[in-house]
Amino acid sequence: MLSSLDKDPRTSIHLNPWKNKDLFQRESSVPWFDRGKILNERPVFTLDPLFHGGCYYPQESSSMFLHYVLEQLFQDNRHLTFLDLCAAPGGKSILISSFLKGRGKLISNEIIRTRNSILRENLIKWGVDNVVVTCNDPEDFSPITNYFDCIVIDAPCSGEGMFRKDKASRNEWSEDNVHLCSLRQNRIVEDITPSLKPGGYLIYSTCTFAPKENELQIQALIDSGEYESVELSVPKEWNIHVLKNGLQFLPHRVQGEGFFISVLRKTISTTSSFRLREKPSFSTPSNAEKQQVESTINSKGLQLLRTAQGNIYTSVFSVEELNTLSNHLYFTMPGTEIGEFIKNEIIPAHAIALSSFAINDVQRIEVNELTALQYLRGESLMIDGNKGKALITYKNIPLGWVKILGNRANNNYPKEWRIRMR
């Protein structure tokens, strides 16, 4: 194992099932996830417009095992409510969202604000339509009792599994750091336990080898009487190391980095309940606003909500449910943003351009790679088209909005997402 840490890490990606454009077909698949690909060499993702259009997401192959776990745990089509507690940069939320497609909803949470913005960016680019994003400490979820069918905790850890991928992490390691991480992990699980339904699943993972952060954490939860271990069956040819109450991915045995995962079932119930918010954060749009929305997308059957700032979203969570949750949670993205009203006209949001929703009667302008990169840098574009809003596409994949002014266009690509690489 030690010698494997001096070898080059493998690059893997998760293909978007509805807009991958048959990419990376010659590369080998991740054994436990058919939409995962192990690349022969690492491309420059920043300079690929299809990456920015959400056709794929670079993700560690070991982490993709989460999808295999979900397939084993949830084989029926009942409606499920998930929480991804430590979600940034978003890879596991993307996996959960894809798994829940059409049958569940997900709260994706990240407490660190800078990482929360990265999480939202990655989810928007992927085009998720069943996810909301919050920015909360784990203890903020404690009053929301018996609510989630499954909670995923990819816990902050000492990062031993990243020693090959991130050489600097070796110098940051210490036994004291392992101990501090174990205390933090214990606090996180303790805070979140009341929110899990009795019989619900806690999926705990780290990217470290340290037993104090892995097996001993799980054993302590079992010894508390609040959880019981759930055994996962895996084919022997996958070379995953089977522990008493979990699975360990070792870099000399799998084509991926170090990873630990364990599944627990909650055996107790929490009796207290959470209360409604007196001043709702969200409301239902007016009929006039709904008509404007219908002029932008096919919104029949969608739940629409309006924020206090006047932005319109579609969400898998109802207005009433979001207002109840917002008594304890701070929402940074309550669904897929459709747009905001300015002078009684809806200005379409960037999120709706990249979403799976059908956009009505919009002008589409197909561009080449050079122009696509100019657009992603936020540069002015010299393109022809009918005056008004238009959708920039590359290989028929939407990248975002422009406003045509004649023979040039105002670039509406989000300033905070613009690339600087040449």
Protein backbone atom coordinates (compact mmCIF):
# COMPACT_ATOMS: atom_id res chain seq x y z
CA MET A 1 0.00 0.00 0.00
CA LEU A 2 2.81 2.39 0.85
CA SER A 3 4.41 1.98 -2.58
CA SER A 4 1.04 2.63 -4.25
CA LEU A 5 0.94 6.08 -2.65
CA ASP A 6 3.92 7.15 -4.79
CA LYS A 7 2.15 6.28 -8.05
CA ASP A 8 0.07 8.72 -10.06
CA PRO A 9 -3.60 8.85 -9.01
CA ARG A 10 -6.30 7.77 -11.45
CA THR A 11 -8.79 10.32 -12.79
CA SER A 12 -12.44 9.32 -12.89
CA ILE A 13 -15.64 11.09 -13.90
CA HIS A 14 -19.39 10.64 -13.39
CA LEU A 15 -21.36 10.97 -16.65
CA ASN A 16 -24.60 12.94 -16.60
CA PRO A 17 -27.23 10.42 -17.79
CA TRP A 18 -29.32 12.93 -19.75
CA LYS A 19 -26.67 15.14 -21.35
CA ASN A 20 -23.37 13.25 -21.58
CA LYS A 21 -23.29 13.22 -25.42
CA ASP A 22 -21.64 9.76 -25.50
CA LEU A 23 -18.42 11.01 -23.93
CA PHE A 24 -15.48 8.84 -22.82
CA GLN A 25 -16.91 5.66 -24.34
CA ARG A 26 -13.48 4.05 -24.83
CA GLU A 27 -12.49 4.36 -21.19
CA SER A 28 -13.12 1.57 -18.68
CA SER A 29 -16.12 1.76 -16.35
CA VAL A 30 -15.99 1.93 -12.57
CA PRO A 31 -16.89 -1.64 -11.42
CA TRP A 32 -19.63 -0.58 -8.99
CA PHE A 33 -21.13 2.28 -11.05
CA ASP A 34 -21.85 2.01 -14.77
CA ARG A 35 -21.93 5.80 -15.33
CA GLY A 36 -18.48 6.18 -13.78
CA LYS A 37 -15.46 6.19 -16.11
CA ILE A 38 -11.77 5.79 -15.27
CA LEU A 39 -9.84 8.00 -17.69
CA ASN A 40 -6.59 7.07 -19.39
CA GLU A 41 -5.28 10.59 -18.83
CA ARG A 42 -6.48 13.70 -17.04
CA PRO A 43 -7.92 16.34 -19.42
CA VAL A 44 -7.95 20.07 -18.68
CA PHE A 45 -11.52 20.23 -17.40
CA THR A 46 -11.49 24.01 -17.14
CA LEU A 47 -11.06 24.35 -20.91
CA ASP A 48 -13.83 21.91 -21.82
CA PRO A 49 -17.18 23.68 -22.38
CA LEU A 50 -19.01 20.36 -21.91
CA PHE A 51 -17.71 20.20 -18.35
CA HIS A 52 -19.22 23.64 -17.65
CA GLY A 53 -22.43 22.50 -19.33
CA GLY A 54 -22.74 19.69 -16.79
CA CYS A 55 -22.15 16.72 -19.11
CA TYR A 56 -19.90 15.09 -16.50
CA TYR A 57 -18.45 15.66 -13.04
CA PRO A 58 -14.90 14.71 -11.96
CA GLN A 59 -15.34 12.39 -8.99
CA GLU A 60 -13.21 9.92 -7.12
CA SER A 61 -14.23 6.39 -8.19
CA SER A 62 -14.26 5.03 -4.63
CA SER A 63 -16.84 7.67 -3.63
CA MET A 64 -19.16 6.50 -6.43
CA PHE A 65 -19.74 3.34 -4.38
CA LEU A 66 -22.46 5.32 -2.60
CA HIS A 67 -24.78 4.74 -5.57
CA TYR A 68 -24.31 0.96 -5.23
CA VAL A 69 -25.17 1.22 -1.53
CA LEU A 70 -28.38 3.14 -2.27
CA GLU A 71 -29.43 0.51 -4.80
CA GLN A 72 -29.06 -2.17 -2.13
CA LEU A 73 -30.93 -0.26 0.58
CA PHE A 74 -33.81 1.23 -1.41
CA GLN A 75 -35.23 -1.09 -4.03
CA ASP A 76 -38.83 0.16 -4.10
CA ASN A 77 -40.26 3.41 -5.49
CA ARG A 78 -41.64 4.98 -2.32
CA HIS A 79 -41.02 8.68 -1.80
CA LEU A 80 -37.84 9.27 0.16
CA THR A 81 -36.35 12.30 1.89
CA PHE A 82 -32.54 12.43 2.08
CA LEU A 83 -30.00 14.69 3.78
CA ASP A 84 -26.43 15.03 2.52
CA LEU A 85 -25.01 16.71 5.60
CA CYS A 86 -21.44 17.62 4.58
CA ALA A 87 -22.16 18.01 0.89
CA ALA A 88 -19.55 20.27 -0.74
CA PRO A 89 -18.25 20.14 -3.39
CA GLY A 90 -21.31 18.14 -4.47
CA GLY A 91 -20.30 14.77 -5.89
CA LYS A 92 -22.34 12.69 -3.45
CA SER A 93 -25.37 14.99 -3.77
CA ILE A 94 -25.24 14.51 -7.55
CA LEU A 95 -25.18 10.71 -7.03
CA ILE A 96 -28.11 10.84 -4.59
CA SER A 97 -30.08 13.19 -6.83
CA SER A 98 -29.65 10.86 -9.80
CA PHE A 99 -30.68 7.85 -7.71
CA LEU A 100 -33.81 9.61 -6.39
CA LYS A 101 -34.91 10.83 -9.83
CA GLY A 102 -38.70 10.96 -9.83
CA ARG A 103 -39.12 9.32 -6.42
CA GLY A 104 -37.59 11.48 -3.72
CA LYS A 105 -36.04 14.73 -2.56
CA LEU A 106 -32.74 15.82 -1.07
CA ILE A 107 -31.49 18.53 1.26
CA SER A 108 -27.85 19.20 0.42
CA ASN A 109 -26.11 21.01 3.29
CA GLU A 110 -22.75 22.75 3.65
CA ILE A 111 -21.92 25.00 6.62
CA ILE A 112 -18.87 26.78 5.11
CA ARG A 113 -20.19 29.61 2.92
CA THR A 114 -17.44 29.55 0.30
CA ARG A 115 -17.88 25.80 -0.11
CA ASN A 116 -21.66 26.26 -0.14
CA SER A 117 -21.37 28.46 -3.24
CA ILE A 118 -19.22 25.78 -4.95
CA LEU A 119 -21.84 23.18 -4.03
CA ARG A 120 -24.63 25.25 -5.61
CA GLU A 121 -22.57 25.85 -8.76
CA ASN A 122 -21.93 22.13 -9.28
CA LEU A 123 -25.56 21.18 -8.65
CA ILE A 124 -26.82 23.88 -11.03
CA LYS A 125 -24.42 22.79 -13.78
CA TRP A 126 -25.58 19.19 -13.38
CA GLY A 127 -29.19 20.33 -13.76
CA VAL A 128 -30.68 18.80 -10.60
CA ASP A 129 -34.40 19.31 -10.06
CA ASN A 130 -34.99 17.48 -6.75
CA VAL A 131 -32.46 19.21 -4.48
CA VAL A 132 -32.47 22.21 -2.14
CA VAL A 133 -29.33 23.63 -0.51
CA THR A 134 -28.92 24.78 3.10
CA CYS A 135 -26.06 26.37 5.03
CA ASN A 136 -26.28 25.03 8.58
CA ASP A 137 -24.37 23.47 11.44
CA PRO A 138 -25.36 19.85 12.15
CA GLU A 139 -26.95 20.82 15.47
CA ASP A 140 -29.44 23.06 13.60
CA PHE A 141 -31.07 19.86 12.30
CA SER A 142 -31.62 18.42 15.80
CA PRO A 143 -35.12 19.94 16.28
CA ILE A 144 -36.25 18.50 12.90
CA THR A 145 -37.05 15.12 14.41
CA ASN A 146 -37.90 11.79 12.73
CA TYR A 147 -37.84 13.45 9.31
CA PHE A 148 -35.23 11.86 7.02
CA ASP A 149 -35.33 8.36 5.53
CA CYS A 150 -31.58 8.48 4.99
CA ILE A 151 -28.76 10.76 6.14
CA VAL A 152 -25.39 10.67 4.38
CA ILE A 153 -22.41 11.95 6.37
CA ASP A 154 -19.19 12.19 4.39
CA ALA A 155 -17.42 13.30 7.54
CA PRO A 156 -14.51 15.76 7.66
CA CYS A 157 -11.47 13.63 8.41
CA SER A 158 -7.66 13.47 8.57
CA GLY A 159 -7.53 12.65 4.85
CA GLU A 160 -5.13 9.72 4.89
CA GLY A 161 -6.86 8.33 1.82
CA MET A 162 -5.77 11.41 -0.14
CA PHE A 163 -2.02 10.96 0.50
CA ARG A 164 -1.49 9.94 -3.15
CA LYS A 165 -3.74 12.56 -4.69
CA ASP A 166 -2.70 15.44 -2.44
CA LYS A 167 0.94 15.25 -1.37
CA ALA A 168 0.57 18.31 0.89
CA SER A 169 -1.89 16.38 3.06
CA ARG A 170 0.98 14.16 4.25
CA ASN A 171 2.68 17.12 5.90
CA GLU A 172 -0.58 18.20 7.56
CA TRP A 173 -1.17 14.81 9.19
CA SER A 174 -0.65 14.19 12.91
CA GLU A 175 -2.03 11.89 15.60
CA ASP A 176 -3.52 14.95 17.28
CA ASN A 177 -5.40 15.79 14.09
CA VAL A 178 -6.80 12.25 13.91
CA HIS A 179 -8.02 12.64 17.50
CA LEU A 180 -9.59 16.06 16.82
CA CYS A 181 -11.32 14.71 13.71
CA SER A 182 -12.77 11.79 15.67
CA LEU A 183 -14.21 14.18 18.27
CA ARG A 184 -15.74 16.33 15.52
CA GLN A 185 -17.23 13.27 13.81
CA ASN A 186 -18.73 12.06 17.06
CA ARG A 187 -20.37 15.44 17.65
CA ILE A 188 -21.77 15.55 14.11
CA VAL A 189 -23.45 12.14 14.40
CA GLU A 190 -24.78 12.93 17.86
CA ASP A 191 -26.33 16.19 16.63
CA ILE A 192 -27.98 14.65 13.58
CA THR A 193 -29.39 11.46 15.14
CA PRO A 194 -32.77 12.99 16.21
CA SER A 195 -33.51 13.95 12.58
CA LEU A 196 -33.36 10.38 11.28
CA LYS A 197 -36.58 8.37 11.23
CA PRO A 198 -36.67 5.16 13.27
CA GLY A 199 -35.70 2.45 10.80
CA GLY A 200 -33.94 5.05 8.66
CA TYR A 201 -30.38 4.63 7.41
CA LEU A 202 -27.24 6.52 8.37
CA ILE A 203 -24.53 6.21 5.71
CA TYR A 204 -21.19 7.24 7.20
CA SER A 205 -18.03 7.65 5.12
CA THR A 206 -14.55 9.17 5.27
CA CYS A 207 -11.49 9.37 3.04
CA THR A 208 -9.13 8.13 5.75
CA PHE A 209 -7.74 4.80 6.99
CA ALA A 210 -7.65 5.70 10.70
CA PRO A 211 -9.70 3.19 12.77
CA LYS A 212 -10.39 5.93 15.33
CA GLU A 213 -12.33 7.81 12.63
CA ASN A 214 -13.86 4.73 11.01
CA GLU A 215 -14.44 1.37 12.74
CA LEU A 216 -14.28 2.77 16.28
CA GLN A 217 -16.77 5.51 15.42
CA ILE A 218 -19.21 2.91 14.08
CA GLN A 219 -18.71 0.54 17.03
CA ALA A 220 -19.45 3.37 19.48
CA LEU A 221 -22.76 4.08 17.70
CA ILE A 222 -23.71 0.40 17.83
CA ASP A 223 -22.75 0.17 21.52
CA SER A 224 -24.98 3.18 22.29
CA GLY A 225 -28.05 1.12 21.37
CA GLU A 226 -29.25 3.77 18.92
CA TYR A 227 -28.07 1.98 15.77
CA GLU A 228 -27.53 -1.48 14.35
CA SER A 229 -25.08 -2.39 11.61
CA VAL A 230 -26.28 -3.19 8.07
CA GLU A 231 -24.19 -5.69 6.14
CA LEU A 232 -23.37 -4.89 2.50
CA SER A 233 -22.65 -7.65 0.00
CA VAL A 234 -19.92 -6.94 -2.55
CA PRO A 235 -18.36 -9.17 -5.25
CA LYS A 236 -14.91 -10.45 -4.30
CA GLU A 237 -13.45 -9.38 -7.64
CA TRP A 238 -13.91 -5.73 -6.65
CA ASN A 239 -11.08 -6.17 -4.09
CA ILE A 240 -12.84 -4.11 -1.44
CA HIS A 241 -11.58 -4.88 2.08
CA VAL A 242 -14.48 -6.09 4.26
CA LEU A 243 -14.38 -4.99 7.89
CA LYS A 244 -16.68 -6.00 10.76
CA ASN A 245 -19.03 -3.02 10.32
CA GLY A 246 -17.91 -1.38 7.10
CA LEU A 247 -15.91 -1.48 3.89
CA GLN A 248 -12.42 -0.09 3.25
CA PHE A 249 -11.11 0.89 -0.19
CA LEU A 250 -7.32 0.58 -0.36
CA PRO A 251 -5.37 2.27 -3.20
CA HIS A 252 -3.22 -0.77 -3.99
CA ARG A 253 -6.32 -2.98 -4.41
CA VAL A 254 -8.82 -0.75 -6.25
CA GLN A 255 -8.54 1.84 -9.04
CA GLY A 256 -9.29 4.68 -6.65
CA GLU A 257 -8.19 6.41 -3.49
CA GLY A 258 -8.63 5.49 0.17
CA PHE A 259 -12.25 5.43 1.32
CA PHE A 260 -14.34 3.99 4.17
CA ILE A 261 -18.11 3.50 4.20
CA SER A 262 -20.54 1.97 6.69
CA VAL A 263 -24.34 1.71 6.88
CA LEU A 264 -26.33 1.81 10.12
CA ARG A 265 -30.06 1.51 10.78
CA LYS A 266 -31.60 3.66 13.51
CA THR A 267 -33.34 1.60 16.20
CA ILE A 268 -34.89 4.35 18.38
CA SER A 269 -37.48 7.12 17.93
CA THR A 270 -37.28 10.76 19.01
CA THR A 271 -40.51 12.01 20.61
CA SER A 272 -40.30 15.81 20.22
CA SER A 273 -41.54 17.61 17.08
CA PHE A 274 -40.64 20.85 15.32
CA ARG A 275 -42.94 23.88 14.99
CA LEU A 276 -44.12 26.14 12.20
CA ARG A 277 -42.41 29.41 11.39
CA GLU A 278 -44.47 32.48 12.30
CA LYS A 279 -43.21 34.62 9.38
CA PRO A 280 -42.96 32.47 6.27
CA SER A 281 -39.84 32.85 4.14
CA PHE A 282 -41.57 31.62 0.98
CA SER A 283 -44.92 32.27 -0.65
CA THR A 284 -46.94 31.10 -3.65
CA PRO A 285 -46.55 33.26 -6.80
CA SER A 286 -49.53 35.29 -8.01
CA ASN A 287 -51.54 34.19 -11.04
CA ALA A 288 -49.87 36.91 -13.13
CA GLU A 289 -46.44 35.64 -12.08
CA LYS A 290 -47.44 32.05 -12.87
CA GLN A 291 -48.47 33.12 -16.37
CA GLN A 292 -45.08 34.79 -16.87
CA VAL A 293 -43.37 31.61 -15.70
CA GLU A 294 -45.40 29.54 -18.18
CA SER A 295 -44.14 31.81 -20.96
CA THR A 296 -40.59 30.75 -20.02
CA ILE A 297 -40.90 27.03 -19.20
CA ASN A 298 -43.53 24.32 -19.26
CA SER A 299 -44.45 24.64 -15.59
CA LYS A 300 -47.64 22.55 -15.54
CA GLY A 301 -47.57 20.21 -12.56
CA LEU A 302 -44.58 21.97 -10.97
CA GLN A 303 -44.61 23.42 -7.46
CA LEU A 304 -43.69 27.11 -7.70
CA LEU A 305 -42.56 29.35 -4.88
CA ARG A 306 -41.58 32.98 -4.46
CA THR A 307 -38.82 34.26 -2.19
CA ALA A 308 -39.03 37.51 -0.25
CA GLN A 309 -36.65 39.02 -2.84
CA GLY A 310 -39.07 38.20 -5.67
CA ASN A 311 -37.18 35.29 -7.22
CA ILE A 312 -39.28 32.42 -8.54
CA TYR A 313 -38.24 28.80 -8.01
CA THR A 314 -39.65 25.38 -8.70
CA SER A 315 -39.06 22.94 -5.85
CA VAL A 316 -39.82 19.35 -4.86
CA PHE A 317 -40.57 20.75 -1.40
CA SER A 318 -43.90 22.52 -0.93
CA VAL A 319 -44.09 26.12 0.29
CA GLU A 320 -45.54 24.90 3.59
CA GLU A 321 -42.77 22.35 4.10
CA LEU A 322 -40.03 24.86 3.30
CA ASN A 323 -41.53 27.41 5.68
CA THR A 324 -41.62 24.77 8.40
CA LEU A 325 -38.01 23.79 7.79
CA SER A 326 -36.86 27.41 7.54
CA ASN A 327 -37.68 27.84 11.20
CA HIS A 328 -34.37 26.04 11.76
CA LEU A 329 -32.57 26.00 8.41
CA TYR A 330 -31.08 28.71 6.20
CA PHE A 331 -31.81 27.98 2.54
CA THR A 332 -29.30 29.23 -0.01
CA MET A 333 -31.07 27.43 -2.89
CA PRO A 334 -34.71 26.37 -2.28
CA GLY A 335 -35.00 24.61 -5.64
CA THR A 336 -34.30 25.37 -9.30
CA GLU A 337 -34.41 29.11 -9.91
CA ILE A 338 -36.58 30.08 -12.85
CA GLY A 339 -35.90 33.81 -12.73
CA GLU A 340 -36.73 37.14 -11.13
CA PHE A 341 -39.30 39.79 -12.01
CA ILE A 342 -38.02 43.16 -13.20
CA LYS A 343 -40.60 45.64 -14.48
CA ASN A 344 -43.27 42.93 -14.66
CA GLU A 345 -41.08 40.75 -16.88
CA ILE A 346 -39.36 37.56 -15.79
CA ILE A 347 -35.61 37.51 -16.41
CA PRO A 348 -34.63 33.84 -16.78
CA ALA A 349 -32.05 32.54 -14.30
CA HIS A 350 -28.85 30.76 -15.28
CA ALA A 351 -30.07 27.62 -13.45
CA ILE A 352 -33.06 27.15 -15.74
CA ALA A 353 -30.76 27.26 -18.79
CA LEU A 354 -28.85 24.20 -17.52
CA SER A 355 -31.84 22.36 -16.07
CA SER A 356 -33.86 19.46 -17.47
CA PHE A 357 -36.98 21.61 -17.78
CA ALA A 358 -38.31 22.39 -21.26
CA ILE A 359 -37.71 26.07 -22.11
CA ASN A 360 -40.42 27.54 -24.36
CA ASP A 361 -39.71 29.19 -27.73
CA VAL A 362 -36.22 30.44 -26.91
CA GLN A 363 -33.64 31.46 -29.51
CA ARG A 364 -30.67 29.07 -29.45
CA ILE A 365 -27.28 30.03 -30.87
CA GLU A 366 -24.83 27.19 -31.48
CA VAL A 367 -21.16 28.26 -31.13
CA ASN A 368 -17.78 26.65 -31.73
CA GLU A 369 -15.25 25.83 -29.01
CA LEU A 370 -13.39 29.15 -29.26
CA THR A 371 -16.58 31.22 -28.89
CA ALA A 372 -17.81 28.92 -26.10
CA LEU A 373 -14.64 29.59 -24.11
CA GLN A 374 -14.97 33.33 -24.75
CA TYR A 375 -18.49 33.10 -23.36
CA LEU A 376 -17.29 31.17 -20.28
CA ARG A 377 -14.66 33.87 -19.66
CA GLY A 378 -17.38 36.53 -19.66
CA GLU A 379 -16.07 38.26 -22.80
CA SER A 380 -18.22 40.21 -25.25
CA LEU A 381 -19.43 38.12 -28.16
CA MET A 382 -19.76 39.21 -31.80
CA ILE A 383 -22.66 37.01 -32.89
CA ASP A 384 -25.73 37.56 -35.04
CA GLY A 385 -29.27 36.81 -34.01
CA ASN A 386 -32.68 38.25 -33.31
CA LYS A 387 -32.67 40.96 -30.66
CA GLY A 388 -33.53 39.76 -27.17
CA LYS A 389 -32.58 36.84 -24.94
CA ALA A 390 -30.90 33.77 -26.42
CA LEU A 391 -29.40 30.53 -25.19
CA ILE A 392 -25.76 29.82 -26.05
CA THR A 393 -25.17 26.13 -26.85
CA TYR A 394 -22.04 24.10 -27.61
CA LYS A 395 -22.58 20.72 -29.30
CA ASN A 396 -26.26 21.32 -28.49
CA ILE A 397 -25.53 21.55 -24.75
CA PRO A 398 -26.79 24.82 -23.17
CA LEU A 399 -24.12 26.95 -21.50
CA GLY A 400 -26.19 29.99 -20.48
CA TRP A 401 -27.90 33.21 -21.55
CA VAL A 402 -26.95 36.22 -23.66
CA LYS A 403 -28.90 39.29 -24.73
CA ILE A 404 -28.60 39.99 -28.46
CA LEU A 405 -28.22 43.68 -29.32
CA GLY A 406 -27.70 43.40 -33.08
CA ASN A 407 -24.34 42.07 -34.22
CA ARG A 408 -23.07 41.67 -30.65
CA ALA A 409 -24.39 40.23 -27.41
CA ASN A 410 -24.28 41.07 -23.71
CA ASN A 411 -22.73 38.15 -21.86
CA ASN A 412 -24.93 36.99 -18.96
CA TYR A 413 -22.67 34.19 -17.74
CA PRO A 414 -22.41 34.43 -13.91
CA LYS A 415 -19.42 36.59 -12.97
CA GLU A 416 -18.38 34.34 -10.09
CA TRP A 417 -18.19 31.32 -12.42
CA ARG A 418 -16.04 32.87 -15.14
CA ILE A 419 -12.89 30.98 -16.05
CA ARG A 420 -9.49 32.70 -16.14
CA MET A 421 -7.40 29.98 -17.78
CA ARG A 422 -6.22 30.65 -21.36
